C-alpha atoms as a PDB file:
ATOM      1  CA  MET A   1      22.678  -7.166   3.149  1.00  0.00           C
ATOM      2  CA  LEU A   2      19.311  -9.020   3.373  1.00  0.00           C
ATOM      3  CA  PRO A   3      18.685 -11.878   0.949  1.00  0.00           C
ATOM      4  CA  ALA A   4      16.257 -11.177  -1.882  1.00  0.00           C
ATOM      5  CA  LEU A   5      12.807 -12.636  -1.518  1.00  0.00           C
ATOM      6  CA  THR A   6      11.984 -14.611  -4.501  1.00  0.00           C
ATOM      7  CA  THR A   7       8.650 -16.222  -3.983  1.00  0.00           C
ATOM      8  CA  THR A   8       5.128 -15.041  -3.057  1.00  0.00           C
ATOM      9  CA  ASP A   9       5.158 -17.393  -0.133  1.00  0.00           C
ATOM     10  CA  GLU A  10       8.445 -15.931   1.250  1.00  0.00           C
ATOM     11  CA  ILE A  11       7.116 -12.457   0.805  1.00  0.00           C
ATOM     12  CA  ALA A  12       3.859 -13.367   2.587  1.00  0.00           C
ATOM     13  CA  ALA A  13       5.613 -15.038   5.493  1.00  0.00           C
ATOM     14  CA  LYS A  14       7.919 -12.023   5.886  1.00  0.00           C
ATOM     15  CA  LEU A  15       4.865  -9.672   5.930  1.00  0.00           C
ATOM     16  CA  ALA A  16       2.951 -12.011   8.495  1.00  0.00           C
ATOM     17  CA  GLU A  17       6.065 -11.935  10.695  1.00  0.00           C
ATOM     18  CA  HIS A  18       6.247  -8.097  10.540  1.00  0.00           C
ATOM     19  CA  ALA A  19       2.506  -7.815  11.409  1.00  0.00           C
ATOM     20  CA  ARG A  20       3.078  -9.991  14.393  1.00  0.00           C
ATOM     21  CA  HIS A  21       6.104  -7.949  15.569  1.00  0.00           C
ATOM     22  CA  ALA A  22       4.337  -4.482  14.907  1.00  0.00           C
ATOM     23  CA  ARG A  23       0.937  -5.557  16.552  1.00  0.00           C
ATOM     24  CA  GLY A  24       0.286  -2.582  18.931  1.00  0.00           C
ATOM     25  CA  ALA A  25       3.244  -0.530  17.875  1.00  0.00           C
ATOM     26  CA  TYR A  26       1.086   1.816  15.674  1.00  0.00           C
ATOM     27  CA  SER A  27      -2.122   3.780  16.420  1.00  0.00           C
ATOM     28  CA  SER A  28      -5.255   2.111  15.143  1.00  0.00           C
ATOM     29  CA  GLU A  29      -5.593   5.016  12.907  1.00  0.00           C
ATOM     30  CA  THR A  30      -2.183   4.265  11.380  1.00  0.00           C
ATOM     31  CA  GLU A  31      -2.903   0.667  10.987  1.00  0.00           C
ATOM     32  CA  ARG A  32      -6.220   1.597   9.277  1.00  0.00           C
ATOM     33  CA  ALA A  33      -4.392   4.035   6.931  1.00  0.00           C
ATOM     34  CA  VAL A  34      -1.932   1.295   6.006  1.00  0.00           C
ATOM     35  CA  ARG A  35      -4.556  -1.277   5.283  1.00  0.00           C
ATOM     36  CA  ASN A  36      -6.523   1.358   3.239  1.00  0.00           C
ATOM     37  CA  ASP A  37      -3.420   2.322   1.166  1.00  0.00           C
ATOM     38  CA  THR A  38      -2.425  -1.341   0.740  1.00  0.00           C
ATOM     39  CA  SER A  39      -6.071  -2.061  -0.569  1.00  0.00           C
ATOM     40  CA  ILE A  40      -6.018   0.843  -3.060  1.00  0.00           C
ATOM     41  CA  PHE A  41      -2.622  -0.149  -4.408  1.00  0.00           C
ATOM     42  CA  SER A  42      -3.604  -3.843  -4.526  1.00  0.00           C
ATOM     43  CA  ALA A  43      -6.724  -3.131  -6.610  1.00  0.00           C
ATOM     44  CA  TRP A  44      -4.730  -0.782  -8.897  1.00  0.00           C
ATOM     45  CA  CYS A  45      -2.230  -3.448  -9.511  1.00  0.00           C
ATOM     46  CA  ILE A  46      -5.000  -5.998 -10.425  1.00  0.00           C
ATOM     47  CA  ASP A  47      -6.840  -3.517 -12.530  1.00  0.00           C
ATOM     48  CA  ASN A  48      -3.684  -2.487 -14.391  1.00  0.00           C
ATOM     49  CA  ASP A  49      -2.085  -5.990 -14.609  1.00  0.00           C
ATOM     50  CA  HIS A  50       0.831  -5.226 -12.430  1.00  0.00           C
ATOM     51  CA  GLN A  51       2.435  -7.407  -9.821  1.00  0.00           C
ATOM     52  CA  MET A  52       1.892  -6.029  -6.348  1.00  0.00           C
ATOM     53  CA  LEU A  53       4.621  -7.961  -4.512  1.00  0.00           C
ATOM     54  CA  PRO A  54       7.421  -7.560  -4.961  1.00  0.00           C
ATOM     55  CA  ALA A  55       6.545  -4.313  -6.877  1.00  0.00           C
ATOM     56  CA  SER A  56       8.982  -3.209  -9.512  1.00  0.00           C
ATOM     57  CA  ALA A  57      10.327   0.368  -9.607  1.00  0.00           C
ATOM     58  CA  GLU A  58       8.276   0.552 -12.891  1.00  0.00           C
ATOM     59  CA  THR A  59       5.032  -0.432 -11.054  1.00  0.00           C
ATOM     60  CA  LEU A  60       5.530   2.199  -8.403  1.00  0.00           C
ATOM     61  CA  VAL A  61       6.356   4.876 -10.843  1.00  0.00           C
ATOM     62  CA  ALA A  62       3.100   3.850 -12.876  1.00  0.00           C
ATOM     63  CA  TYR A  63       1.049   3.851  -9.739  1.00  0.00           C
ATOM     64  CA  ILE A  64       2.218   7.238  -8.522  1.00  0.00           C
ATOM     65  CA  ASP A  65       1.619   8.691 -11.948  1.00  0.00           C
ATOM     66  CA  ALA A  66      -1.934   7.120 -11.961  1.00  0.00           C
ATOM     67  CA  MET A  67      -2.670   8.522  -8.530  1.00  0.00           C
ATOM     68  CA  SER A  68      -1.337  12.015  -9.489  1.00  0.00           C
ATOM     69  CA  GLU A  69      -4.025  12.047 -12.239  1.00  0.00           C
ATOM     70  CA  THR A  70      -6.981  11.054 -10.115  1.00  0.00           C
ATOM     71  CA  VAL A  71      -6.476  13.217  -6.986  1.00  0.00           C
ATOM     72  CA  GLU A  72      -6.947  17.007  -7.316  1.00  0.00           C
ATOM     73  CA  VAL A  73      -4.547  18.904  -5.215  1.00  0.00           C
ATOM     74  CA  GLU A  74      -7.391  20.892  -3.580  1.00  0.00           C
ATOM     75  CA  GLU A  75      -8.979  17.555  -2.437  1.00  0.00           C
ATOM     76  CA  TRP A  76      -6.065  16.888  -0.189  1.00  0.00           C
ATOM     77  CA  ARG A  77      -6.337  19.874   2.243  1.00  0.00           C
ATOM     78  CA  GLY A  78      -3.536  18.136   4.141  1.00  0.00           C
ATOM     79  CA  VAL A  79      -5.375  14.767   4.829  1.00  0.00           C
ATOM     80  CA  PRO A  80      -6.121  12.330   2.003  1.00  0.00           C
ATOM     81  CA  PRO A  81      -9.515  10.894   1.752  1.00  0.00           C
ATOM     82  CA  MET A  82      -9.926   7.282   2.935  1.00  0.00           C
ATOM     83  CA  ALA A  83     -11.132   4.519   0.377  1.00  0.00           C
ATOM     84  CA  ASP A  84     -13.411   3.131   3.067  1.00  0.00           C
ATOM     85  CA  GLY A  85     -15.294   6.446   3.411  1.00  0.00           C
ATOM     86  CA  ALA A  86     -14.259   7.084   7.054  1.00  0.00           C
ATOM     87  CA  ASP A  87     -12.973  10.241   8.351  1.00  0.00           C
ATOM     88  CA  PRO A  88      -9.186  10.086   8.911  1.00  0.00           C
END
């Protein structure tokens, strides 16, 4: 079992380590999609006074509920729109 991360610095260090190890492992489109999704989640957390990392189960449920209210099913058509306006 992995030890729990307790500080923002520990979380940031682990994320940076993962990014170094993952560099080149994903397509540029996947990396862009992850950055885009992270940006959207981060902005939502700030706007709704939630802690992004580590995100609690309650935060994730609230985020999913909020997103389900903002995206119409017919908008998806199999590929979600990108926040940066680029075609996926």
